[in-house]
C-alpha cells in the first residue's frame, strides 16, 4: 500500500501517543485513552427498533444510551405539594424517554392516546405539573435514580421516582383544554368525579411525533 497513514495511535505502558501528519509537518503528543475510546465508540450504533411490552426502544450510540418506555393508562396516586393525601386520578397512556450520556440522564415525558406501534405516533403534553412543554421534567430537589438503574434498560425506578414525588406549581399551564391555566384543577376535578379514564379529548398536541422527538434527542 503506497498511501501513508495521516494518523497513528501508539499504545505504551505509560500511556497513548498520537502521531499526526499533515503534508510534510509531523506532530506527536499524548492523548487520554478514555477520549480515544469515546471517539471510536461514537461511530457505533445499536438500535432495537420498537419492542414489545412496556419497553419500546433501546438505542446505544457510542456512550449515549436512549431508553423509551410506555406506561399504560390507569389510576395513579399523585401528591400535590401542601396536600396531606394523594389524589387518585386517571392518567392517560404515557411515554418516558431517558437519554444518558456519561452517567448524566436527561428525560422527556409525553402523553399518547395509545401504545405506539410506529415512530409516527403523535405526542401530547402530559397532564401533570412540573413537566415543561418541551417534555423535559423539572425534578427540583428529587434525587436521581442510582447509577445501577441508569446502566440498565428499564425505567421502573425512574417511573417510581417521578410519580412518587410531590408535584409543585411549576409548568401547570397548557396541559388541559378544560383547564388551560392550571392542570391541577383538572386533576382535582377528575378525582371529584371519580373518573376511571382520563378524557383523551382534553389532551393538547405537542405537534411532534415520537420519531421526531427521538431524532432531536439523538442529535
Protein backbone atom coordinates (compact mmCIF):
# COMPACT_ATOMS: atom_id res chain seq x y z
CA UNK A 1 0.00 0.00 0.00
CA UNK A 2 1.56 3.24 -1.17
CA UNK A 3 -0.56 5.61 0.91
CA UNK A 4 0.89 6.59 4.30
CA UNK A 5 -1.39 6.97 7.32
CA UNK A 6 -2.19 10.52 8.38
CA UNK A 7 -2.92 9.48 11.98
CA UNK A 8 -1.21 6.86 14.16
CA UNK A 9 -2.07 5.84 17.73
CA UNK A 10 0.73 4.20 19.69
CA UNK A 11 -0.14 2.41 22.93
CA UNK A 12 2.61 2.19 25.56
CA UNK A 13 2.66 1.02 29.17
CA UNK A 14 2.80 4.66 30.28
CA UNK A 15 0.00 5.94 28.01
CA UNK A 16 -1.16 6.65 24.47
CA UNK A 17 0.66 8.82 21.92
CA UNK A 18 -0.97 10.29 18.82
CA UNK A 19 1.18 10.98 15.75
CA UNK A 20 -0.41 13.22 13.13
CA UNK A 21 0.96 14.12 9.71
CA UNK A 22 -0.28 17.00 7.57
CA UNK A 23 1.82 17.32 4.43
CA UNK A 24 5.44 17.49 5.50
CA UNK A 25 4.58 18.56 9.06
CA UNK A 26 4.51 15.85 11.74
CA UNK A 27 3.29 16.37 15.33
CA UNK A 28 3.15 13.92 18.22
CA UNK A 29 1.52 14.33 21.62
CA UNK A 30 -0.08 12.26 24.43
CA UNK A 31 -3.85 11.69 24.46
CA UNK A 32 -6.33 10.39 27.02
CA UNK A 33 -7.20 6.74 26.31
CA UNK A 34 -10.78 7.33 27.56
CA UNK A 35 -11.25 10.11 24.99
CA UNK A 36 -9.95 7.83 22.25
CA UNK A 37 -12.38 5.08 23.29
CA UNK A 38 -15.32 7.52 23.37
CA UNK A 39 -14.45 8.88 19.92
CA UNK A 40 -14.25 5.41 18.43
CA UNK A 41 -17.43 4.22 20.16
CA UNK A 42 -19.40 7.21 18.88
CA UNK A 43 -19.33 5.68 15.40
CA UNK A 44 -21.12 2.52 16.58
CA UNK A 45 -24.92 2.46 16.83
CA UNK A 46 -27.22 -0.21 18.25
CA UNK A 47 -30.95 0.27 17.87
CA UNK A 48 -33.62 -2.31 18.74
CA UNK A 49 -36.43 -0.54 16.91
CA UNK A 50 -39.85 -0.62 18.59
CA UNK A 51 -40.12 -3.55 21.01
CA UNK A 52 -43.00 -5.33 22.75
CA UNK A 53 -44.39 -4.98 26.27
CA UNK A 54 -43.63 -1.67 28.03
CA UNK A 55 -40.06 -1.16 26.82
CA UNK A 56 -40.49 0.45 23.42
CA UNK A 57 -36.90 1.03 22.35
CA UNK A 58 -33.29 0.79 23.50
CA UNK A 59 -30.71 2.64 21.43
CA UNK A 60 -26.97 2.79 22.03
CA UNK A 61 -24.90 5.34 20.08
CA UNK A 62 -21.35 5.35 21.41
CA UNK A 63 -21.58 6.48 25.04
CA UNK A 64 -25.18 7.72 24.60
CA UNK A 65 -27.98 5.35 25.59
CA UNK A 66 -31.67 6.03 24.93
CA UNK A 67 -34.42 4.03 26.64
CA UNK A 68 -38.08 4.60 25.79
CA UNK A 69 -40.80 3.05 27.93
CA UNK A 70 -44.58 3.01 27.74
CA UNK A 71 -46.91 3.25 30.75
CA UNK A 72 -50.49 2.03 30.20
CA UNK A 73 -53.40 4.23 31.33
CA UNK A 74 -54.67 3.80 34.85
CA UNK A 75 -55.47 5.42 38.17
CA UNK A 76 -52.43 6.75 39.99
CA UNK A 77 -51.79 8.37 43.35
CA UNK A 78 -50.50 11.90 42.73
CA UNK A 79 -49.22 14.09 45.56
CA UNK A 80 -49.58 17.85 45.15
CA UNK A 81 -47.28 20.00 47.30
CA UNK A 82 -49.02 21.04 50.51
CA UNK A 83 -51.59 18.23 50.43
CA UNK A 84 -51.55 15.54 53.11
CA UNK A 85 -53.19 12.86 50.97
CA UNK A 86 -52.68 11.81 47.38
CA UNK A 87 -55.19 12.42 44.60
CA UNK A 88 -56.40 9.21 42.98
CA UNK A 89 -56.65 10.26 39.36
CA UNK A 90 -56.66 8.51 35.99
CA UNK A 91 -53.67 9.24 33.78
CA UNK A 92 -53.58 8.71 30.02
CA UNK A 93 -51.01 6.41 28.41
CA UNK A 94 -47.55 7.89 28.91
CA UNK A 95 -44.17 7.60 27.23
CA UNK A 96 -40.96 8.29 29.16
CA UNK A 97 -37.67 8.85 27.31
CA UNK A 98 -34.32 8.71 29.13
CA UNK A 99 -31.12 9.68 27.36
CA UNK A 100 -27.95 9.00 29.35
CA UNK A 101 -24.51 10.29 28.40
CA UNK A 102 -21.50 9.78 30.70
CA UNK A 103 -23.85 8.90 33.57
CA UNK A 104 -25.96 12.07 33.24
CA UNK A 105 -29.65 11.42 32.42
CA UNK A 106 -32.00 13.69 30.50
CA UNK A 107 -35.71 12.94 30.34
CA UNK A 108 -38.72 13.58 28.16
CA UNK A 109 -42.27 12.75 29.24
CA UNK A 110 -45.28 12.75 26.92
CA UNK A 111 -48.86 11.54 26.75
CA UNK A 112 -50.15 9.37 23.92
CA UNK A 113 -53.61 8.13 23.00
CA UNK A 114 -52.48 4.53 22.53
CA UNK A 115 -49.38 2.38 22.75
CA UNK A 116 -47.04 3.49 19.92
CA UNK A 117 -46.82 0.92 17.14
CA UNK A 118 -44.54 3.02 14.95
CA UNK A 119 -42.48 6.21 15.03
CA UNK A 120 -45.33 8.27 13.57
CA UNK A 121 -47.33 8.14 16.82
CA UNK A 122 -48.36 11.74 17.73
CA UNK A 123 -47.39 13.02 21.17
CA UNK A 124 -49.39 15.17 23.60
CA UNK A 125 -48.48 17.32 26.58
CA UNK A 126 -48.56 15.22 29.73
CA UNK A 127 -51.36 16.35 32.10
CA UNK A 128 -49.09 16.83 35.11
CA UNK A 129 -47.33 19.79 36.72
CA UNK A 130 -43.51 20.01 36.68
CA UNK A 131 -43.23 18.92 33.05
CA UNK A 132 -42.28 21.63 30.57
CA UNK A 133 -43.86 21.99 27.12
CA UNK A 134 -40.63 20.56 25.68
CA UNK A 135 -41.29 17.33 27.62
CA UNK A 136 -38.37 17.97 29.97
CA UNK A 137 -39.04 17.23 33.64
CA UNK A 138 -38.47 19.71 36.45
CA UNK A 139 -37.09 17.38 39.14
CA UNK A 140 -36.39 20.09 41.72
CA UNK A 141 -34.67 18.52 44.73
CA UNK A 142 -35.74 14.97 43.82
CA UNK A 143 -32.73 12.66 43.93
CA UNK A 144 -31.97 10.93 40.64
CA UNK A 145 -32.07 7.16 40.27
CA UNK A 146 -28.99 5.09 41.12
CA UNK A 147 -26.06 4.52 38.77
CA UNK A 148 -27.08 0.87 38.64
CA UNK A 149 -30.54 1.82 37.39
CA UNK A 150 -29.06 4.24 34.84
CA UNK A 151 -26.93 1.41 33.44
CA UNK A 152 -30.00 -0.76 32.87
CA UNK A 153 -32.61 -0.87 30.13
CA UNK A 154 -35.72 -0.49 32.28
CA UNK A 155 -37.27 2.71 33.62
CA UNK A 156 -39.01 1.12 36.60
CA UNK A 157 -37.08 3.19 39.15
CA UNK A 158 -37.46 6.37 37.07
CA UNK A 159 -41.26 6.00 36.96
CA UNK A 160 -41.35 5.38 40.73
CA UNK A 161 -39.19 8.43 41.42
CA UNK A 162 -41.26 10.63 39.13
CA UNK A 163 -44.77 9.64 40.20
CA UNK A 164 -43.87 9.16 43.86
CA UNK A 165 -42.60 12.73 44.32
CA UNK A 166 -44.78 15.77 45.18
CA UNK A 167 -45.82 17.92 42.21
CA UNK A 168 -45.49 21.68 42.69
CA UNK A 169 -46.77 24.76 40.89
CA UNK A 170 -44.26 24.83 38.02
CA UNK A 171 -45.28 24.30 34.37
CA UNK A 172 -49.00 23.98 35.15
CA UNK A 173 -50.42 25.75 32.09
CA UNK A 174 -51.06 24.50 28.57
CA UNK A 175 -51.78 20.92 29.62
CA UNK A 176 -55.59 20.77 29.53
CA UNK A 177 -58.30 22.11 27.24
CA UNK A 178 -60.76 22.18 30.16
CA UNK A 179 -58.35 24.00 32.49
CA UNK A 180 -55.69 25.62 30.28
CA UNK A 181 -54.22 27.77 33.06
CA UNK A 182 -53.68 25.06 35.69
CA UNK A 183 -53.65 21.30 35.15
CA UNK A 184 -54.02 20.76 38.90
CA UNK A 185 -57.64 21.94 38.66
CA UNK A 186 -58.31 19.24 36.09
CA UNK A 187 -56.76 16.55 38.29
CA UNK A 188 -58.79 17.65 41.32
CA UNK A 189 -61.96 17.72 39.21
CA UNK A 190 -61.34 14.22 37.84
CA UNK A 191 -60.89 12.84 41.35
CA UNK A 192 -64.11 14.53 42.46
CA UNK A 193 -65.97 12.87 39.59
CA UNK A 194 -64.31 9.53 40.41
CA UNK A 195 -63.37 9.34 36.75
CA UNK A 196 -61.97 5.98 35.62
CA UNK A 197 -60.24 7.21 32.45
CA UNK A 198 -58.51 10.43 31.51
CA UNK A 199 -60.51 12.13 28.71
CA UNK A 200 -58.33 11.90 25.59
CA UNK A 201 -60.17 14.83 24.02
CA UNK A 202 -58.69 17.03 26.77
CA UNK A 203 -55.08 16.34 25.69
CA UNK A 204 -53.18 19.09 23.88
CA UNK A 205 -50.95 18.05 20.94
CA UNK A 206 -47.20 18.62 21.07
CA UNK A 207 -47.30 18.73 17.23
CA UNK A 208 -44.43 16.26 17.06
CA UNK A 209 -44.25 12.51 16.58
CA UNK A 210 -42.27 10.02 18.66
CA UNK A 211 -39.80 9.67 15.80
CA UNK A 212 -39.25 13.43 15.58
CA UNK A 213 -38.56 13.73 19.31
CA UNK A 214 -36.17 10.78 19.25
CA UNK A 215 -34.40 12.32 16.27
CA UNK A 216 -33.87 15.52 18.26
CA UNK A 217 -32.60 13.52 21.24
CA UNK A 218 -30.06 11.76 19.03
CA UNK A 219 -28.63 14.97 17.56
